[in-house]
Amino acid sequence: MTPEGLRARVADAYDRLGLPSWPPPRAEGDEPRDEEYSRVSDLHKYRVVHGRARAWTAVLGVLPGVVVEDLGPTTSERRRYARGVRIVSPVPGTLPLVLLEQDAGHTEHGETTDALQIAVRSPDHRIGYGVPDCGCDACDWGSAGLLDEIDDDILHVVAGPFVLLEGTDWTAAWHPDGGSMEGGARQPWSFEAAMRACRVLADGGDPRLPRSCTALVGRSWLDATP
């Protein structure tokens, strides 16, 4: 199975769910209006990200030896998710994939939309801020971009190699096509230095890491998957 083959299977499984789609609400180059930044027109429109996660779960779950574990309601770093799954590959050296669903609703901190958080190994090892990372109207770029983002993030883990570095208040993620770095003011090194260390780790090396930094390294799920 190739990454392209997995993506095609997921797209087919997702299409059968009959979920809605919508185009970008603004023409390319148009800036959002000020009032759109504080407005959430539809708390539930982003349920499509849950559908995409379930399509991935269904497709990965039938690969030889893959195990899907139902996590139920899950709390991680003061975030609560309505449900989640942990998908484990039998290939040695791979990182389990964790998909966590947040339901739309009203909280003491304001409105929350439906959202998906992708993680590895456990809910505590999150990749990015979630999809969508913001549900306001100003940050809406259409449904297709959301689905592509989910596919890309999952394939980075599944196709491998994938490296996640975690510091006190920062994270860095690397895959062969690129990487990202997020966090606070206490980042101990530059983006370039973090990516160099990730490449060494992916190649089986042992680079010097900053204090209080942990590394999660995963090989491809597809190395031994028909």
C-alpha atoms as a PDB file:
ATOM      1  CA  MET A   1       0.000   0.000   0.000  1.00  0.00           C
ATOM      2  CA  THR A   2       1.285   3.463  -0.937  1.00  0.00           C
ATOM      3  CA  PRO A   3       0.452   6.815   0.679  1.00  0.00           C
ATOM      4  CA  GLU A   4      -1.417   7.760  -2.471  1.00  0.00           C
ATOM      5  CA  GLY A   5      -3.411   4.531  -2.301  1.00  0.00           C
ATOM      6  CA  LEU A   6      -4.355   5.180   1.326  1.00  0.00           C
ATOM      7  CA  ARG A   7      -5.437   8.728   0.537  1.00  0.00           C
ATOM      8  CA  ALA A   8      -7.637   7.484  -2.311  1.00  0.00           C
ATOM      9  CA  ARG A   9      -9.260   4.850  -0.082  1.00  0.00           C
ATOM     10  CA  VAL A  10      -9.948   7.454   2.594  1.00  0.00           C
ATOM     11  CA  ALA A  11     -11.473   9.868   0.091  1.00  0.00           C
ATOM     12  CA  ASP A  12     -13.781   7.096  -1.149  1.00  0.00           C
ATOM     13  CA  ALA A  13     -14.816   6.082   2.390  1.00  0.00           C
ATOM     14  CA  TYR A  14     -15.432   9.720   3.303  1.00  0.00           C
ATOM     15  CA  ASP A  15     -17.540  10.406   0.202  1.00  0.00           C
ATOM     16  CA  ARG A  16     -19.881   7.592   1.203  1.00  0.00           C
ATOM     17  CA  LEU A  17     -20.672   9.450   4.454  1.00  0.00           C
ATOM     18  CA  GLY A  18     -22.520  12.150   2.495  1.00  0.00           C
ATOM     19  CA  LEU A  19     -21.188  15.028   4.575  1.00  0.00           C
ATOM     20  CA  PRO A  20     -21.516  18.634   3.360  1.00  0.00           C
ATOM     21  CA  SER A  21     -18.780  20.642   1.689  1.00  0.00           C
ATOM     22  CA  TRP A  22     -18.383  24.367   1.151  1.00  0.00           C
ATOM     23  CA  PRO A  23     -16.084  26.605  -0.875  1.00  0.00           C
ATOM     24  CA  PRO A  24     -13.858  29.325   0.576  1.00  0.00           C
ATOM     25  CA  PRO A  25     -16.239  32.107   1.669  1.00  0.00           C
ATOM     26  CA  ARG A  26     -14.006  34.842   0.235  1.00  0.00           C
ATOM     27  CA  ALA A  27     -12.303  35.360  -3.091  1.00  0.00           C
ATOM     28  CA  GLU A  28      -8.569  34.693  -3.130  1.00  0.00           C
ATOM     29  CA  GLY A  29      -6.745  37.728  -1.797  1.00  0.00           C
ATOM     30  CA  ASP A  30      -9.754  39.229   0.003  1.00  0.00           C
ATOM     31  CA  GLU A  31      -9.181  39.997   3.683  1.00  0.00           C
ATOM     32  CA  PRO A  32     -11.759  38.967   6.304  1.00  0.00           C
ATOM     33  CA  ARG A  33     -13.963  41.714   7.716  1.00  0.00           C
ATOM     34  CA  ASP A  34     -13.292  42.765  11.312  1.00  0.00           C
ATOM     35  CA  GLU A  35     -16.587  41.385  12.571  1.00  0.00           C
ATOM     36  CA  GLU A  36     -15.774  37.917  11.183  1.00  0.00           C
ATOM     37  CA  TYR A  37     -13.003  37.436  13.744  1.00  0.00           C
ATOM     38  CA  SER A  38     -15.483  37.360  16.622  1.00  0.00           C
ATOM     39  CA  ARG A  39     -18.260  35.472  14.839  1.00  0.00           C
ATOM     40  CA  VAL A  40     -18.938  31.749  14.615  1.00  0.00           C
ATOM     41  CA  SER A  41     -21.844  31.325  12.210  1.00  0.00           C
ATOM     42  CA  ASP A  42     -22.205  27.559  12.579  1.00  0.00           C
ATOM     43  CA  LEU A  43     -20.744  25.635  15.518  1.00  0.00           C
ATOM     44  CA  HIS A  44     -21.410  22.294  13.834  1.00  0.00           C
ATOM     45  CA  LYS A  45     -20.192  22.811  10.257  1.00  0.00           C
ATOM     46  CA  TYR A  46     -16.789  21.445  11.170  1.00  0.00           C
ATOM     47  CA  ARG A  47     -18.199  18.015  11.970  1.00  0.00           C
ATOM     48  CA  VAL A  48     -16.680  17.075   8.621  1.00  0.00           C
ATOM     49  CA  VAL A  49     -13.318  16.705  10.390  1.00  0.00           C
ATOM     50  CA  HIS A  50     -14.825  13.951  12.564  1.00  0.00           C
ATOM     51  CA  GLY A  51     -16.018  12.215   9.407  1.00  0.00           C
ATOM     52  CA  ARG A  52     -12.551  12.372   7.897  1.00  0.00           C
ATOM     53  CA  ALA A  53     -11.022  10.909  11.057  1.00  0.00           C
ATOM     54  CA  ARG A  54     -13.513   8.047  10.982  1.00  0.00           C
ATOM     55  CA  ALA A  55     -12.740   7.389   7.318  1.00  0.00           C
ATOM     56  CA  TRP A  56      -9.044   7.141   8.195  1.00  0.00           C
ATOM     57  CA  THR A  57      -9.834   4.858  11.125  1.00  0.00           C
ATOM     58  CA  ALA A  58     -11.847   2.551   8.875  1.00  0.00           C
ATOM     59  CA  VAL A  59      -9.155   2.411   6.179  1.00  0.00           C
ATOM     60  CA  LEU A  60      -6.203   1.925   8.534  1.00  0.00           C
ATOM     61  CA  GLY A  61      -8.154  -0.506  10.692  1.00  0.00           C
ATOM     62  CA  VAL A  62      -8.345  -3.144   7.947  1.00  0.00           C
ATOM     63  CA  LEU A  63      -4.616  -3.144   7.199  1.00  0.00           C
ATOM     64  CA  PRO A  64      -2.958  -6.406   8.281  1.00  0.00           C
ATOM     65  CA  GLY A  65      -2.253  -6.491  12.010  1.00  0.00           C
ATOM     66  CA  VAL A  66      -3.461  -2.953  12.739  1.00  0.00           C
ATOM     67  CA  VAL A  67      -5.414  -2.615  15.991  1.00  0.00           C
ATOM     68  CA  VAL A  68      -7.954   0.152  16.707  1.00  0.00           C
ATOM     69  CA  GLU A  69      -8.486   0.958  20.392  1.00  0.00           C
ATOM     70  CA  ASP A  70     -11.552   2.980  21.461  1.00  0.00           C
ATOM     71  CA  LEU A  71     -10.463   5.600  24.021  1.00  0.00           C
ATOM     72  CA  GLY A  72     -13.911   7.002  24.850  1.00  0.00           C
ATOM     73  CA  PRO A  73     -14.039  10.440  26.533  1.00  0.00           C
ATOM     74  CA  THR A  74     -10.466  11.625  27.063  1.00  0.00           C
ATOM     75  CA  THR A  75      -8.803  14.484  28.920  1.00  0.00           C
ATOM     76  CA  SER A  76      -5.368  15.778  27.971  1.00  0.00           C
ATOM     77  CA  GLU A  77      -3.570  18.875  29.252  1.00  0.00           C
ATOM     78  CA  ARG A  78      -6.797  20.489  30.470  1.00  0.00           C
ATOM     79  CA  ARG A  79      -8.531  19.696  27.169  1.00  0.00           C
ATOM     80  CA  ARG A  80     -11.474  17.345  27.124  1.00  0.00           C
ATOM     81  CA  TYR A  81     -12.415  15.328  24.072  1.00  0.00           C
ATOM     82  CA  ALA A  82     -15.751  13.623  23.583  1.00  0.00           C
ATOM     83  CA  ARG A  83     -14.198  10.507  22.079  1.00  0.00           C
ATOM     84  CA  GLY A  84     -11.038   9.187  20.534  1.00  0.00           C
ATOM     85  CA  VAL A  85      -9.269   6.209  19.011  1.00  0.00           C
ATOM     86  CA  ARG A  86      -5.712   4.898  19.188  1.00  0.00           C
ATOM     87  CA  ILE A  87      -4.590   3.097  16.038  1.00  0.00           C
ATOM     88  CA  VAL A  88      -1.576   0.822  16.449  1.00  0.00           C
ATOM     89  CA  SER A  89       0.547  -0.607  13.643  1.00  0.00           C
ATOM     90  CA  PRO A  90       2.246  -4.005  14.038  1.00  0.00           C
ATOM     91  CA  VAL A  91       5.374  -2.744  12.276  1.00  0.00           C
ATOM     92  CA  PRO A  92       8.222  -2.411  14.826  1.00  0.00           C
ATOM     93  CA  GLY A  93       9.366   1.131  15.551  1.00  0.00           C
ATOM     94  CA  THR A  94       6.164   2.857  14.456  1.00  0.00           C
ATOM     95  CA  LEU A  95       4.265   5.447  16.461  1.00  0.00           C
ATOM     96  CA  PRO A  96       0.594   4.766  17.292  1.00  0.00           C
ATOM     97  CA  LEU A  97      -1.781   7.336  15.809  1.00  0.00           C
ATOM     98  CA  VAL A  98      -4.309   9.012  18.120  1.00  0.00           C
ATOM     99  CA  LEU A  99      -7.396  10.800  16.772  1.00  0.00           C
ATOM    100  CA  LEU A 100      -9.400  12.877  19.268  1.00  0.00           C
ATOM    101  CA  GLU A 101     -12.801  14.444  18.571  1.00  0.00           C
ATOM    102  CA  GLN A 102     -13.990  17.657  20.246  1.00  0.00           C
ATOM    103  CA  ASP A 103     -17.713  18.385  20.051  1.00  0.00           C
ATOM    104  CA  ALA A 104     -19.143  21.834  19.454  1.00  0.00           C
ATOM    105  CA  GLY A 105     -20.730  23.626  22.370  1.00  0.00           C
ATOM    106  CA  HIS A 106     -20.708  26.543  24.763  1.00  0.00           C
ATOM    107  CA  THR A 107     -18.161  26.665  27.595  1.00  0.00           C
ATOM    108  CA  GLU A 108     -17.123  29.149  30.252  1.00  0.00           C
ATOM    109  CA  HIS A 109     -14.414  30.307  27.852  1.00  0.00           C
ATOM    110  CA  GLY A 110     -16.787  30.851  24.928  1.00  0.00           C
ATOM    111  CA  GLU A 111     -18.016  28.830  21.972  1.00  0.00           C
ATOM    112  CA  THR A 112     -16.150  25.812  20.655  1.00  0.00           C
ATOM    113  CA  THR A 113     -16.682  24.202  17.268  1.00  0.00           C
ATOM    114  CA  ASP A 114     -16.379  20.573  16.323  1.00  0.00           C
ATOM    115  CA  ALA A 115     -12.665  19.861  15.940  1.00  0.00           C
ATOM    116  CA  LEU A 116     -10.125  17.058  15.524  1.00  0.00           C
ATOM    117  CA  GLN A 117      -6.841  16.736  17.374  1.00  0.00           C
ATOM    118  CA  ILE A 118      -4.169  14.453  15.937  1.00  0.00           C
ATOM    119  CA  ALA A 119      -1.561  13.001  18.278  1.00  0.00           C
ATOM    120  CA  VAL A 120       0.936  10.161  18.470  1.00  0.00           C
ATOM    121  CA  ARG A 121       1.379   7.432  21.093  1.00  0.00           C
ATOM    122  CA  SER A 122      -1.038   9.062  23.591  1.00  0.00           C
ATOM    123  CA  PRO A 123      -3.368  12.088  23.733  1.00  0.00           C
ATOM    124  CA  ASP A 124      -0.605  14.077  25.446  1.00  0.00           C
ATOM    125  CA  HIS A 125       1.647  14.111  22.372  1.00  0.00           C
ATOM    126  CA  ARG A 126      -0.333  16.439  20.134  1.00  0.00           C
ATOM    127  CA  ILE A 127       0.576  17.461  16.593  1.00  0.00           C
ATOM    128  CA  GLY A 128      -0.375  21.091  16.031  1.00  0.00           C
ATOM    129  CA  TYR A 129      -3.326  22.894  17.569  1.00  0.00           C
ATOM    130  CA  GLY A 130      -6.157  20.885  16.022  1.00  0.00           C
ATOM    131  CA  VAL A 131      -8.269  21.089  12.863  1.00  0.00           C
ATOM    132  CA  PRO A 132      -9.638  23.661  12.586  1.00  0.00           C
ATOM    133  CA  ASP A 133      -7.222  25.553  14.813  1.00  0.00           C
ATOM    134  CA  CYS A 134      -9.801  28.365  14.981  1.00  0.00           C
ATOM    135  CA  GLY A 135     -13.480  28.107  14.113  1.00  0.00           C
ATOM    136  CA  CYS A 136     -14.290  31.796  13.624  1.00  0.00           C
ATOM    137  CA  ASP A 137     -15.653  32.974  10.281  1.00  0.00           C
ATOM    138  CA  ALA A 138     -12.466  34.880   9.495  1.00  0.00           C
ATOM    139  CA  CYS A 139     -10.414  31.682   9.628  1.00  0.00           C
ATOM    140  CA  ASP A 140     -12.742  29.681   7.385  1.00  0.00           C
ATOM    141  CA  TRP A 141     -11.010  28.758   4.131  1.00  0.00           C
ATOM    142  CA  GLY A 142     -13.457  26.102   2.949  1.00  0.00           C
ATOM    143  CA  SER A 143     -13.882  22.409   3.693  1.00  0.00           C
ATOM    144  CA  ALA A 144     -11.405  21.010   1.157  1.00  0.00           C
ATOM    145  CA  GLY A 145      -8.445  22.627   2.888  1.00  0.00           C
ATOM    146  CA  LEU A 146      -9.448  21.099   6.224  1.00  0.00           C
ATOM    147  CA  LEU A 147      -9.613  17.601   4.766  1.00  0.00           C
ATOM    148  CA  ASP A 148      -6.253  18.020   3.034  1.00  0.00           C
ATOM    149  CA  GLU A 149      -4.670  19.177   6.290  1.00  0.00           C
ATOM    150  CA  ILE A 150      -5.948  16.095   8.119  1.00  0.00           C
ATOM    151  CA  ASP A 151      -4.779  13.769   5.338  1.00  0.00           C
ATOM    152  CA  ASP A 152      -1.330  15.357   5.284  1.00  0.00           C
ATOM    153  CA  ASP A 153      -0.827  15.209   9.051  1.00  0.00           C
ATOM    154  CA  ILE A 154      -1.929  11.584   9.296  1.00  0.00           C
ATOM    155  CA  LEU A 155       0.170  10.521   6.326  1.00  0.00           C
ATOM    156  CA  HIS A 156       3.243  12.173   7.817  1.00  0.00           C
ATOM    157  CA  VAL A 157       2.944   9.708  10.707  1.00  0.00           C
ATOM    158  CA  VAL A 158       1.820   6.666   8.720  1.00  0.00           C
ATOM    159  CA  ALA A 159       4.168   7.029   5.745  1.00  0.00           C
ATOM    160  CA  GLY A 160       7.079   8.019   8.004  1.00  0.00           C
ATOM    161  CA  PRO A 161       9.632   8.556   9.136  1.00  0.00           C
ATOM    162  CA  PHE A 162       8.214  11.041  11.624  1.00  0.00           C
ATOM    163  CA  VAL A 163       9.846  12.830  14.563  1.00  0.00           C
ATOM    164  CA  LEU A 164       8.181  14.858  17.312  1.00  0.00           C
ATOM    165  CA  LEU A 165      10.309  16.880  19.756  1.00  0.00           C
ATOM    166  CA  GLU A 166       8.659  18.204  22.914  1.00  0.00           C
ATOM    167  CA  GLY A 167      10.116  20.792  25.262  1.00  0.00           C
ATOM    168  CA  THR A 168       8.739  22.616  28.278  1.00  0.00           C
ATOM    169  CA  ASP A 169       6.524  24.930  26.225  1.00  0.00           C
ATOM    170  CA  TRP A 170       7.386  24.128  22.618  1.00  0.00           C
ATOM    171  CA  THR A 171       7.168  21.324  20.066  1.00  0.00           C
ATOM    172  CA  ALA A 172       8.813  20.580  16.738  1.00  0.00           C
ATOM    173  CA  ALA A 173       7.612  18.065  14.172  1.00  0.00           C
ATOM    174  CA  TRP A 174       9.602  16.721  11.222  1.00  0.00           C
ATOM    175  CA  HIS A 175       8.846  14.528   8.220  1.00  0.00           C
ATOM    176  CA  PRO A 176      10.779  14.056   4.971  1.00  0.00           C
ATOM    177  CA  ASP A 177       8.832  16.807   3.173  1.00  0.00           C
ATOM    178  CA  GLY A 178       9.258  19.489   5.837  1.00  0.00           C
ATOM    179  CA  GLY A 179       8.473  20.353   9.419  1.00  0.00           C
ATOM    180  CA  SER A 180       7.093  22.871  11.874  1.00  0.00           C
ATOM    181  CA  MET A 181       7.914  24.382  15.252  1.00  0.00           C
ATOM    182  CA  GLU A 182       5.487  25.884  17.756  1.00  0.00           C
ATOM    183  CA  GLY A 183       5.685  27.214  21.271  1.00  0.00           C
ATOM    184  CA  GLY A 184       6.574  29.940  23.690  1.00  0.00           C
ATOM    185  CA  ALA A 185       9.501  32.199  24.385  1.00  0.00           C
ATOM    186  CA  ARG A 186      11.683  29.503  25.921  1.00  0.00           C
ATOM    187  CA  GLN A 187      12.566  27.716  22.715  1.00  0.00           C
ATOM    188  CA  PRO A 188      16.218  26.734  23.233  1.00  0.00           C
ATOM    189  CA  TRP A 189      17.239  26.636  19.589  1.00  0.00           C
ATOM    190  CA  SER A 190      16.313  27.750  16.101  1.00  0.00           C
ATOM    191  CA  PHE A 191      13.940  26.035  13.710  1.00  0.00           C
ATOM    192  CA  GLU A 192      16.887  25.008  11.542  1.00  0.00           C
ATOM    193  CA  ALA A 193      18.716  23.417  14.476  1.00  0.00           C
ATOM    194  CA  ALA A 194      15.596  21.528  15.543  1.00  0.00           C
ATOM    195  CA  MET A 195      15.075  20.164  12.027  1.00  0.00           C
ATOM    196  CA  ARG A 196      18.719  19.041  11.828  1.00  0.00           C
ATOM    197  CA  ALA A 197      18.327  17.126  15.080  1.00  0.00           C
ATOM    198  CA  CYS A 198      15.118  15.524  13.822  1.00  0.00           C
ATOM    199  CA  ARG A 199      16.830  14.337  10.648  1.00  0.00           C
ATOM    200  CA  VAL A 200      19.619  12.762  12.695  1.00  0.00           C
ATOM    201  CA  LEU A 201      17.061  11.015  14.895  1.00  0.00           C
ATOM    202  CA  ALA A 202      15.154   9.759  11.847  1.00  0.00           C
ATOM    203  CA  ASP A 203      18.404   8.270  10.531  1.00  0.00           C
ATOM    204  CA  GLY A 204      18.990   6.434  13.818  1.00  0.00           C
ATOM    205  CA  GLY A 205      21.485   8.903  15.268  1.00  0.00           C
ATOM    206  CA  ASP A 206      21.714  10.349  18.774  1.00  0.00           C
ATOM    207  CA  PRO A 207      21.983  14.153  18.594  1.00  0.00           C
ATOM    208  CA  ARG A 208      22.440  16.334  21.648  1.00  0.00           C
ATOM    209  CA  LEU A 209      19.003  17.597  22.639  1.00  0.00           C
ATOM    210  CA  PRO A 210      18.148  20.556  24.872  1.00  0.00           C
ATOM    211  CA  ARG A 211      17.498  19.898  28.509  1.00  0.00           C
ATOM    212  CA  SER A 212      13.942  18.725  29.279  1.00  0.00           C
ATOM    213  CA  CYS A 213      13.402  17.795  25.639  1.00  0.00           C
ATOM    214  CA  THR A 214      11.939  14.420  24.684  1.00  0.00           C
ATOM    215  CA  ALA A 215      11.874  12.856  21.236  1.00  0.00           C
ATOM    216  CA  LEU A 216       9.340  10.491  19.685  1.00  0.00           C
ATOM    217  CA  VAL A 217      10.619   8.809  16.533  1.00  0.00           C
ATOM    218  CA  GLY A 218       8.518   6.620  14.252  1.00  0.00           C
ATOM    219  CA  ARG A 219       9.330   4.649  11.128  1.00  0.00           C
ATOM    220  CA  SER A 220       6.875   4.045   8.290  1.00  0.00           C
ATOM    221  CA  TRP A 221       3.823   1.888   8.904  1.00  0.00           C
ATOM    222  CA  LEU A 222       4.047   0.848   5.258  1.00  0.00           C
ATOM    223  CA  ASP A 223       7.504  -0.740   5.355  1.00  0.00           C
ATOM    224  CA  ALA A 224       5.991  -4.175   5.868  1.00  0.00           C
ATOM    225  CA  THR A 225       2.345  -3.592   4.956  1.00  0.00           C
ATOM    226  CA  PRO A 226       1.041  -5.266   1.768  1.00  0.00           C
END
